Amino acid sequence: MKTLKALLVGVVSCLVIAGFALAVSTANQTVTMQVNAICVVAVTGNPSTLSVSAPATGGETPSNPSSNTTYAQYTSTVGASQNRKITAAWGGSDAAPAGCSLKLTATPSGGTNQGSSAGQITMSSTAQDVVTTIKSCATGTSASNGAQLTYLLSVDTVTSLVASESKSATVTLTLTDAA
Protein backbone atom coordinates (compact mmCIF):
# COMPACT_ATOMS: atom_id res chain seq x y z
CA MET A 1 0.00 0.00 0.00
CA LYS A 2 2.81 2.35 0.86
CA THR A 3 4.36 1.52 -2.48
CA LEU A 4 1.12 2.25 -4.31
CA LYS A 5 0.70 5.50 -2.37
CA ALA A 6 4.28 6.53 -3.17
CA LEU A 7 3.73 5.61 -6.80
CA LEU A 8 0.53 7.68 -6.97
CA VAL A 9 2.24 10.66 -5.32
CA GLY A 10 5.07 10.34 -7.83
CA VAL A 11 2.71 10.14 -10.82
CA VAL A 12 0.63 13.10 -9.59
CA SER A 13 3.81 15.11 -8.94
CA CYS A 14 5.05 14.39 -12.47
CA LEU A 15 1.72 15.42 -13.97
CA VAL A 16 1.71 18.68 -11.99
CA ILE A 17 5.30 19.46 -13.02
CA ALA A 18 4.54 18.53 -16.63
CA GLY A 19 1.45 20.75 -16.56
CA PHE A 20 3.54 23.73 -15.52
CA ALA A 21 6.20 22.93 -18.11
CA LEU A 22 3.63 22.60 -20.91
CA ALA A 23 1.89 25.88 -20.15
CA VAL A 24 2.34 28.05 -23.28
CA SER A 25 1.39 31.59 -24.14
CA THR A 26 1.78 33.23 -27.57
CA ALA A 27 1.38 36.67 -29.06
CA ASN A 28 1.32 37.64 -32.74
CA GLN A 29 2.49 40.73 -34.61
CA THR A 30 1.91 41.86 -38.17
CA VAL A 31 5.09 43.15 -39.81
CA THR A 32 4.54 45.36 -42.84
CA MET A 33 7.44 45.53 -45.31
CA GLN A 34 7.81 47.85 -48.28
CA VAL A 35 10.49 48.67 -50.85
CA ASN A 36 10.32 52.32 -51.85
CA ALA A 37 11.35 53.61 -55.25
CA ILE A 38 15.01 54.65 -55.05
CA CYS A 39 16.68 56.85 -57.65
CA VAL A 40 20.09 58.25 -56.59
CA VAL A 41 23.13 59.12 -58.71
CA ALA A 42 26.57 60.52 -57.80
CA VAL A 43 29.93 60.99 -59.54
CA THR A 44 33.43 60.20 -58.28
CA GLY A 45 34.88 63.64 -58.98
CA ASN A 46 35.83 65.71 -62.01
CA PRO A 47 37.71 64.49 -65.07
CA SER A 48 41.25 65.72 -65.70
CA THR A 49 41.77 68.76 -67.93
CA LEU A 50 41.43 67.99 -71.62
CA SER A 51 44.22 69.93 -73.37
CA VAL A 52 44.82 70.00 -77.12
CA SER A 53 48.58 69.70 -77.54
CA ALA A 54 51.07 69.68 -80.39
CA PRO A 55 51.25 66.48 -82.46
CA ALA A 56 54.45 64.42 -82.56
CA THR A 57 55.11 65.42 -86.16
CA GLY A 58 54.53 68.75 -87.86
CA GLY A 59 51.62 68.68 -90.31
CA GLU A 60 49.58 66.18 -88.29
CA THR A 61 46.28 67.07 -86.66
CA PRO A 62 46.54 67.44 -82.88
CA SER A 63 45.32 64.34 -81.03
CA ASN A 64 42.00 64.21 -79.23
CA PRO A 65 42.68 64.31 -75.47
CA SER A 66 40.50 62.12 -73.25
CA SER A 67 39.87 61.36 -69.59
CA ASN A 68 38.27 58.19 -68.21
CA THR A 69 39.02 58.56 -64.51
CA THR A 70 35.53 59.25 -63.19
CA TYR A 71 32.44 57.09 -62.66
CA ALA A 72 28.71 57.59 -62.31
CA GLN A 73 27.55 55.57 -59.30
CA TYR A 74 23.87 54.89 -58.80
CA THR A 75 21.24 53.08 -56.77
CA SER A 76 17.92 52.26 -58.38
CA THR A 77 14.81 50.28 -57.47
CA VAL A 78 12.07 49.90 -60.05
CA GLY A 79 8.95 47.85 -60.65
CA ALA A 80 9.25 44.48 -62.38
CA SER A 81 8.58 45.82 -65.89
CA GLN A 82 10.18 49.24 -65.46
CA ASN A 83 13.68 50.56 -66.06
CA ARG A 84 15.65 53.76 -65.78
CA LYS A 85 18.27 55.60 -67.78
CA ILE A 86 21.02 58.15 -67.23
CA THR A 87 21.03 61.23 -69.42
CA ALA A 88 23.76 63.85 -69.86
CA ALA A 89 23.53 67.52 -70.84
CA TRP A 90 25.46 70.69 -70.26
CA GLY A 91 24.15 74.19 -69.61
CA GLY A 92 22.68 76.31 -72.40
CA SER A 93 25.66 78.68 -72.40
CA ASP A 94 28.31 75.91 -72.23
CA ALA A 95 30.43 75.14 -75.30
CA ALA A 96 33.65 73.44 -76.29
CA PRO A 97 36.57 75.54 -77.52
CA ALA A 98 36.32 76.73 -81.13
CA GLY A 99 37.00 73.91 -83.60
CA CYS A 100 36.26 71.21 -81.00
CA SER A 101 33.39 69.17 -79.63
CA LEU A 102 33.11 67.40 -76.30
CA LYS A 103 32.05 63.77 -76.47
CA LEU A 104 30.98 61.44 -73.63
CA THR A 105 30.68 57.69 -73.35
CA ALA A 106 29.35 56.03 -70.19
CA THR A 107 30.24 52.34 -69.83
CA PRO A 108 28.59 50.40 -66.97
CA SER A 109 30.87 47.92 -65.21
CA GLY A 110 28.59 45.05 -66.18
CA GLY A 111 27.07 44.34 -62.79
CA THR A 112 23.59 42.83 -62.68
CA ASN A 113 20.90 45.30 -63.81
CA GLN A 114 23.35 48.24 -64.13
CA GLY A 115 22.23 48.95 -67.69
CA SER A 116 23.86 49.26 -71.10
CA SER A 117 25.93 52.00 -72.69
CA ALA A 118 24.01 54.12 -75.18
CA GLY A 119 27.30 54.78 -77.02
CA GLN A 120 29.19 58.01 -77.53
CA ILE A 121 27.27 61.28 -77.56
CA THR A 122 28.31 64.81 -78.48
CA MET A 123 27.54 67.08 -75.54
CA SER A 124 24.82 69.68 -75.94
CA SER A 125 22.21 71.41 -73.82
CA THR A 126 19.68 68.73 -74.84
CA ALA A 127 19.65 65.73 -72.49
CA GLN A 128 20.84 62.57 -74.27
CA ASP A 129 20.84 58.96 -73.07
CA VAL A 130 24.23 57.64 -71.97
CA VAL A 131 23.11 54.52 -70.02
CA THR A 132 19.82 52.70 -70.69
CA THR A 133 17.86 49.71 -69.31
CA ILE A 134 18.87 50.21 -65.67
CA LYS A 135 16.85 47.95 -63.36
CA SER A 136 17.06 47.57 -59.56
CA CYS A 137 20.75 47.76 -58.65
CA ALA A 138 23.46 49.41 -56.59
CA THR A 139 26.74 49.94 -58.44
CA GLY A 140 28.93 50.21 -55.34
CA THR A 141 30.96 53.14 -54.10
CA SER A 142 34.59 52.13 -54.66
CA ALA A 143 36.66 54.32 -56.95
CA SER A 144 36.04 52.16 -60.04
CA ASN A 145 32.41 51.10 -59.43
CA GLY A 146 29.57 52.23 -61.64
CA ALA A 147 29.54 53.51 -65.22
CA GLN A 148 32.96 54.70 -66.34
CA LEU A 149 32.72 58.18 -67.87
CA THR A 150 35.04 58.81 -70.81
CA TYR A 151 35.25 62.41 -71.97
CA LEU A 152 36.92 63.10 -75.33
CA LEU A 153 37.73 66.57 -76.66
CA SER A 154 37.49 66.03 -80.41
CA VAL A 155 39.45 68.34 -82.70
CA ASP A 156 36.91 68.78 -85.50
CA THR A 157 38.29 71.78 -87.41
CA VAL A 158 41.99 72.55 -86.97
CA THR A 159 41.66 75.89 -88.74
CA SER A 160 39.17 77.07 -86.09
CA LEU A 161 41.41 76.33 -83.07
CA VAL A 162 42.36 79.39 -81.01
CA ALA A 163 45.55 79.16 -78.93
CA SER A 164 45.05 79.72 -75.18
CA GLU A 165 41.27 79.39 -75.44
CA SER A 166 40.01 77.70 -72.30
CA LYS A 167 36.44 76.73 -71.48
CA SER A 168 34.72 74.90 -68.65
CA ALA A 169 31.35 73.20 -68.86
CA THR A 170 29.08 71.75 -66.21
CA VAL A 171 27.82 68.34 -67.28
CA THR A 172 24.64 67.20 -65.53
CA LEU A 173 23.95 63.48 -65.26
CA THR A 174 20.34 62.60 -64.47
CA LEU A 175 19.02 59.19 -63.39
CA THR A 176 15.40 59.09 -64.48
CA ASP A 177 12.57 56.74 -65.40
CA ALA A 178 12.81 55.51 -68.98
CA ALA A 179 9.87 56.45 -71.16
C-alpha atoms as a PDB file:
ATOM      1  CA  MET A   1       0.000   0.000   0.000  1.00  0.00           C
ATOM      2  CA  LYS A   2       2.815   2.349   0.856  1.00  0.00           C
ATOM      3  CA  THR A   3       4.363   1.521  -2.482  1.00  0.00           C
ATOM      4  CA  LEU A   4       1.121   2.251  -4.309  1.00  0.00           C
ATOM      5  CA  LYS A   5       0.704   5.500  -2.369  1.00  0.00           C
ATOM      6  CA  ALA A   6       4.280   6.533  -3.170  1.00  0.00           C
ATOM      7  CA  LEU A   7       3.733   5.608  -6.802  1.00  0.00           C
ATOM      8  CA  LEU A   8       0.530   7.681  -6.970  1.00  0.00           C
ATOM      9  CA  VAL A   9       2.241  10.662  -5.320  1.00  0.00           C
ATOM     10  CA  GLY A  10       5.074  10.336  -7.826  1.00  0.00           C
ATOM     11  CA  VAL A  11       2.714  10.142 -10.822  1.00  0.00           C
ATOM     12  CA  VAL A  12       0.634  13.103  -9.592  1.00  0.00           C
ATOM     13  CA  SER A  13       3.807  15.114  -8.939  1.00  0.00           C
ATOM     14  CA  CYS A  14       5.054  14.387 -12.466  1.00  0.00           C
ATOM     15  CA  LEU A  15       1.720  15.421 -13.973  1.00  0.00           C
ATOM     16  CA  VAL A  16       1.713  18.684 -11.990  1.00  0.00           C
ATOM     17  CA  ILE A  17       5.296  19.463 -13.017  1.00  0.00           C
ATOM     18  CA  ALA A  18       4.537  18.526 -16.634  1.00  0.00           C
ATOM     19  CA  GLY A  19       1.452  20.748 -16.561  1.00  0.00           C
ATOM     20  CA  PHE A  20       3.540  23.725 -15.517  1.00  0.00           C
ATOM     21  CA  ALA A  21       6.198  22.925 -18.111  1.00  0.00           C
ATOM     22  CA  LEU A  22       3.634  22.605 -20.907  1.00  0.00           C
ATOM     23  CA  ALA A  23       1.889  25.880 -20.150  1.00  0.00           C
ATOM     24  CA  VAL A  24       2.340  28.050 -23.282  1.00  0.00           C
ATOM     25  CA  SER A  25       1.389  31.591 -24.135  1.00  0.00           C
ATOM     26  CA  THR A  26       1.781  33.229 -27.567  1.00  0.00           C
ATOM     27  CA  ALA A  27       1.376  36.667 -29.062  1.00  0.00           C
ATOM     28  CA  ASN A  28       1.322  37.644 -32.736  1.00  0.00           C
ATOM     29  CA  GLN A  29       2.488  40.726 -34.612  1.00  0.00           C
ATOM     30  CA  THR A  30       1.911  41.859 -38.170  1.00  0.00           C
ATOM     31  CA  VAL A  31       5.091  43.153 -39.809  1.00  0.00           C
ATOM     32  CA  THR A  32       4.538  45.364 -42.838  1.00  0.00           C
ATOM     33  CA  MET A  33       7.440  45.534 -45.305  1.00  0.00           C
ATOM     34  CA  GLN A  34       7.808  47.849 -48.280  1.00  0.00           C
ATOM     35  CA  VAL A  35      10.490  48.671 -50.852  1.00  0.00           C
ATOM     36  CA  ASN A  36      10.319  52.323 -51.847  1.00  0.00           C
ATOM     37  CA  ALA A  37      11.352  53.609 -55.253  1.00  0.00           C
ATOM     38  CA  ILE A  38      15.010  54.646 -55.049  1.00  0.00           C
ATOM     39  CA  CYS A  39      16.678  56.849 -57.648  1.00  0.00           C
ATOM     40  CA  VAL A  40      20.087  58.253 -56.588  1.00  0.00           C
ATOM     41  CA  VAL A  41      23.135  59.124 -58.711  1.00  0.00           C
ATOM     42  CA  ALA A  42      26.572  60.518 -57.801  1.00  0.00           C
ATOM     43  CA  VAL A  43      29.930  60.995 -59.541  1.00  0.00           C
ATOM     44  CA  THR A  44      33.429  60.204 -58.281  1.00  0.00           C
ATOM     45  CA  GLY A  45      34.885  63.636 -58.978  1.00  0.00           C
ATOM     46  CA  ASN A  46      35.833  65.712 -62.009  1.00  0.00           C
ATOM     47  CA  PRO A  47      37.711  64.488 -65.072  1.00  0.00           C
ATOM     48  CA  SER A  48      41.246  65.716 -65.701  1.00  0.00           C
ATOM     49  CA  THR A  49      41.768  68.763 -67.930  1.00  0.00           C
ATOM     50  CA  LEU A  50      41.433  67.992 -71.623  1.00  0.00           C
ATOM     51  CA  SER A  51      44.223  69.929 -73.368  1.00  0.00           C
ATOM     52  CA  VAL A  52      44.818  70.004 -77.118  1.00  0.00           C
ATOM     53  CA  SER A  53      48.583  69.704 -77.540  1.00  0.00           C
ATOM     54  CA  ALA A  54      51.071  69.682 -80.393  1.00  0.00           C
ATOM     55  CA  PRO A  55      51.250  66.485 -82.457  1.00  0.00           C
ATOM     56  CA  ALA A  56      54.449  64.425 -82.556  1.00  0.00           C
ATOM     57  CA  THR A  57      55.110  65.421 -86.158  1.00  0.00           C
ATOM     58  CA  GLY A  58      54.528  68.754 -87.857  1.00  0.00           C
ATOM     59  CA  GLY A  59      51.623  68.681 -90.309  1.00  0.00           C
ATOM     60  CA  GLU A  60      49.580  66.178 -88.290  1.00  0.00           C
ATOM     61  CA  THR A  61      46.282  67.074 -86.662  1.00  0.00           C
ATOM     62  CA  PRO A  62      46.537  67.437 -82.879  1.00  0.00           C
ATOM     63  CA  SER A  63      45.325  64.341 -81.025  1.00  0.00           C
ATOM     64  CA  ASN A  64      41.996  64.207 -79.229  1.00  0.00           C
ATOM     65  CA  PRO A  65      42.680  64.314 -75.474  1.00  0.00           C
ATOM     66  CA  SER A  66      40.496  62.119 -73.249  1.00  0.00           C
ATOM     67  CA  SER A  67      39.872  61.356 -69.595  1.00  0.00           C
ATOM     68  CA  ASN A  68      38.270  58.194 -68.212  1.00  0.00           C
ATOM     69  CA  THR A  69      39.018  58.563 -64.515  1.00  0.00           C
ATOM     70  CA  THR A  70      35.528  59.247 -63.189  1.00  0.00           C
ATOM     71  CA  TYR A  71      32.444  57.091 -62.655  1.00  0.00           C
ATOM     72  CA  ALA A  72      28.710  57.594 -62.309  1.00  0.00           C
ATOM     73  CA  GLN A  73      27.548  55.565 -59.297  1.00  0.00           C
ATOM     74  CA  TYR A  74      23.873  54.887 -58.800  1.00  0.00           C
ATOM     75  CA  THR A  75      21.235  53.080 -56.766  1.00  0.00           C
ATOM     76  CA  SER A  76      17.917  52.259 -58.383  1.00  0.00           C
ATOM     77  CA  THR A  77      14.812  50.284 -57.469  1.00  0.00           C
ATOM     78  CA  VAL A  78      12.075  49.897 -60.050  1.00  0.00           C
ATOM     79  CA  GLY A  79       8.946  47.849 -60.648  1.00  0.00           C
ATOM     80  CA  ALA A  80       9.252  44.480 -62.379  1.00  0.00           C
ATOM     81  CA  SER A  81       8.579  45.821 -65.887  1.00  0.00           C
ATOM     82  CA  GLN A  82      10.185  49.245 -65.464  1.00  0.00           C
ATOM     83  CA  ASN A  83      13.683  50.563 -66.062  1.00  0.00           C
ATOM     84  CA  ARG A  84      15.651  53.756 -65.782  1.00  0.00           C
ATOM     85  CA  LYS A  85      18.270  55.601 -67.780  1.00  0.00           C
ATOM     86  CA  ILE A  86      21.018  58.150 -67.231  1.00  0.00           C
ATOM     87  CA  THR A  87      21.030  61.234 -69.422  1.00  0.00           C
ATOM     88  CA  ALA A  88      23.761  63.848 -69.864  1.00  0.00           C
ATOM     89  CA  ALA A  89      23.531  67.515 -70.838  1.00  0.00           C
ATOM     90  CA  TRP A  90      25.461  70.694 -70.260  1.00  0.00           C
ATOM     91  CA  GLY A  91      24.151  74.195 -69.613  1.00  0.00           C
ATOM     92  CA  GLY A  92      22.678  76.312 -72.403  1.00  0.00           C
ATOM     93  CA  SER A  93      25.661  78.678 -72.396  1.00  0.00           C
ATOM     94  CA  ASP A  94      28.311  75.910 -72.232  1.00  0.00           C
ATOM     95  CA  ALA A  95      30.429  75.145 -75.295  1.00  0.00           C
ATOM     96  CA  ALA A  96      33.647  73.437 -76.290  1.00  0.00           C
ATOM     97  CA  PRO A  97      36.570  75.536 -77.523  1.00  0.00           C
ATOM     98  CA  ALA A  98      36.324  76.733 -81.135  1.00  0.00           C
ATOM     99  CA  GLY A  99      37.004  73.915 -83.605  1.00  0.00           C
ATOM    100  CA  CYS A 100      36.263  71.208 -81.001  1.00  0.00           C
ATOM    101  CA  SER A 101      33.390  69.172 -79.634  1.00  0.00           C
ATOM    102  CA  LEU A 102      33.108  67.398 -76.296  1.00  0.00           C
ATOM    103  CA  LYS A 103      32.048  63.766 -76.466  1.00  0.00           C
ATOM    104  CA  LEU A 104      30.984  61.444 -73.631  1.00  0.00           C
ATOM    105  CA  THR A 105      30.679  57.687 -73.355  1.00  0.00           C
ATOM    106  CA  ALA A 106      29.348  56.030 -70.186  1.00  0.00           C
ATOM    107  CA  THR A 107      30.244  52.344 -69.827  1.00  0.00           C
ATOM    108  CA  PRO A 108      28.585  50.395 -66.974  1.00  0.00           C
ATOM    109  CA  SER A 109      30.873  47.918 -65.210  1.00  0.00           C
ATOM    110  CA  GLY A 110      28.593  45.055 -66.180  1.00  0.00           C
ATOM    111  CA  GLY A 111      27.066  44.335 -62.794  1.00  0.00           C
ATOM    112  CA  THR A 112      23.592  42.832 -62.675  1.00  0.00           C
ATOM    113  CA  ASN A 113      20.896  45.299 -63.805  1.00  0.00           C
ATOM    114  CA  GLN A 114      23.350  48.245 -64.134  1.00  0.00           C
ATOM    115  CA  GLY A 115      22.227  48.951 -67.692  1.00  0.00           C
ATOM    116  CA  SER A 116      23.856  49.263 -71.099  1.00  0.00           C
ATOM    117  CA  SER A 117      25.927  51.999 -72.687  1.00  0.00           C
ATOM    118  CA  ALA A 118      24.013  54.117 -75.181  1.00  0.00           C
ATOM    119  CA  GLY A 119      27.299  54.779 -77.021  1.00  0.00           C
ATOM    120  CA  GLN A 120      29.194  58.007 -77.534  1.00  0.00           C
ATOM    121  CA  ILE A 121      27.273  61.283 -77.557  1.00  0.00           C
ATOM    122  CA  THR A 122      28.310  64.809 -78.484  1.00  0.00           C
ATOM    123  CA  MET A 123      27.537  67.077 -75.543  1.00  0.00           C
ATOM    124  CA  SER A 124      24.821  69.678 -75.945  1.00  0.00           C
ATOM    125  CA  SER A 125      22.212  71.406 -73.824  1.00  0.00           C
ATOM    126  CA  THR A 126      19.677  68.730 -74.842  1.00  0.00           C
ATOM    127  CA  ALA A 127      19.649  65.728 -72.487  1.00  0.00           C
ATOM    128  CA  GLN A 128      20.843  62.573 -74.266  1.00  0.00           C
ATOM    129  CA  ASP A 129      20.840  58.961 -73.072  1.00  0.00           C
ATOM    130  CA  VAL A 130      24.229  57.637 -71.975  1.00  0.00           C
ATOM    131  CA  VAL A 131      23.109  54.516 -70.021  1.00  0.00           C
ATOM    132  CA  THR A 132      19.822  52.701 -70.692  1.00  0.00           C
ATOM    133  CA  THR A 133      17.857  49.709 -69.313  1.00  0.00           C
ATOM    134  CA  ILE A 134      18.866  50.212 -65.667  1.00  0.00           C
ATOM    135  CA  LYS A 135      16.855  47.946 -63.363  1.00  0.00           C
ATOM    136  CA  SER A 136      17.062  47.574 -59.559  1.00  0.00           C
ATOM    137  CA  CYS A 137      20.748  47.763 -58.653  1.00  0.00           C
ATOM    138  CA  ALA A 138      23.462  49.413 -56.591  1.00  0.00           C
ATOM    139  CA  THR A 139      26.743  49.942 -58.436  1.00  0.00           C
ATOM    140  CA  GLY A 140      28.926  50.210 -55.337  1.00  0.00           C
ATOM    141  CA  THR A 141      30.959  53.142 -54.101  1.00  0.00           C
ATOM    142  CA  SER A 142      34.586  52.125 -54.658  1.00  0.00           C
ATOM    143  CA  ALA A 143      36.656  54.325 -56.950  1.00  0.00           C
ATOM    144  CA  SER A 144      36.045  52.158 -60.035  1.00  0.00           C
ATOM    145  CA  ASN A 145      32.415  51.104 -59.425  1.00  0.00           C
ATOM    146  CA  GLY A 146      29.566  52.234 -61.644  1.00  0.00           C
ATOM    147  CA  ALA A 147      29.536  53.506 -65.216  1.00  0.00           C
ATOM    148  CA  GLN A 148      32.961  54.704 -66.340  1.00  0.00           C
ATOM    149  CA  LEU A 149      32.721  58.179 -67.867  1.00  0.00           C
ATOM    150  CA  THR A 150      35.044  58.812 -70.810  1.00  0.00           C
ATOM    151  CA  TYR A 151      35.252  62.413 -71.973  1.00  0.00           C
ATOM    152  CA  LEU A 152      36.919  63.100 -75.327  1.00  0.00           C
ATOM    153  CA  LEU A 153      37.732  66.568 -76.662  1.00  0.00           C
ATOM    154  CA  SER A 154      37.492  66.030 -80.409  1.00  0.00           C
ATOM    155  CA  VAL A 155      39.449  68.339 -82.699  1.00  0.00           C
ATOM    156  CA  ASP A 156      36.912  68.783 -85.496  1.00  0.00           C
ATOM    157  CA  THR A 157      38.294  71.780 -87.415  1.00  0.00           C
ATOM    158  CA  VAL A 158      41.988  72.553 -86.970  1.00  0.00           C
ATOM    159  CA  THR A 159      41.655  75.889 -88.740  1.00  0.00           C
ATOM    160  CA  SER A 160      39.174  77.071 -86.087  1.00  0.00           C
ATOM    161  CA  LEU A 161      41.408  76.332 -83.067  1.00  0.00           C
ATOM    162  CA  VAL A 162      42.358  79.394 -81.012  1.00  0.00           C
ATOM    163  CA  ALA A 163      45.555  79.159 -78.928  1.00  0.00           C
ATOM    164  CA  SER A 164      45.053  79.718 -75.180  1.00  0.00           C
ATOM    165  CA  GLU A 165      41.273  79.393 -75.436  1.00  0.00           C
ATOM    166  CA  SER A 166      40.005  77.702 -72.296  1.00  0.00           C
ATOM    167  CA  LYS A 167      36.439  76.729 -71.478  1.00  0.00           C
ATOM    168  CA  SER A 168      34.721  74.897 -68.654  1.00  0.00           C
ATOM    169  CA  ALA A 169      31.351  73.196 -68.857  1.00  0.00           C
ATOM    170  CA  THR A 170      29.083  71.754 -66.211  1.00  0.00           C
ATOM    171  CA  VAL A 171      27.816  68.338 -67.281  1.00  0.00           C
ATOM    172  CA  THR A 172      24.642  67.205 -65.530  1.00  0.00           C
ATOM    173  CA  LEU A 173      23.954  63.481 -65.262  1.00  0.00           C
ATOM    174  CA  THR A 174      20.341  62.596 -64.472  1.00  0.00           C
ATOM    175  CA  LEU A 175      19.023  59.191 -63.394  1.00  0.00           C
ATOM    176  CA  THR A 176      15.395  59.094 -64.482  1.00  0.00           C
ATOM    177  CA  ASP A 177      12.572  56.740 -65.404  1.00  0.00           C
ATOM    178  CA  ALA A 178      12.814  55.506 -68.979  1.00  0.00           C
ATOM    179  CA  ALA A 179       9.867  56.449 -71.161  1.00  0.00           C
END
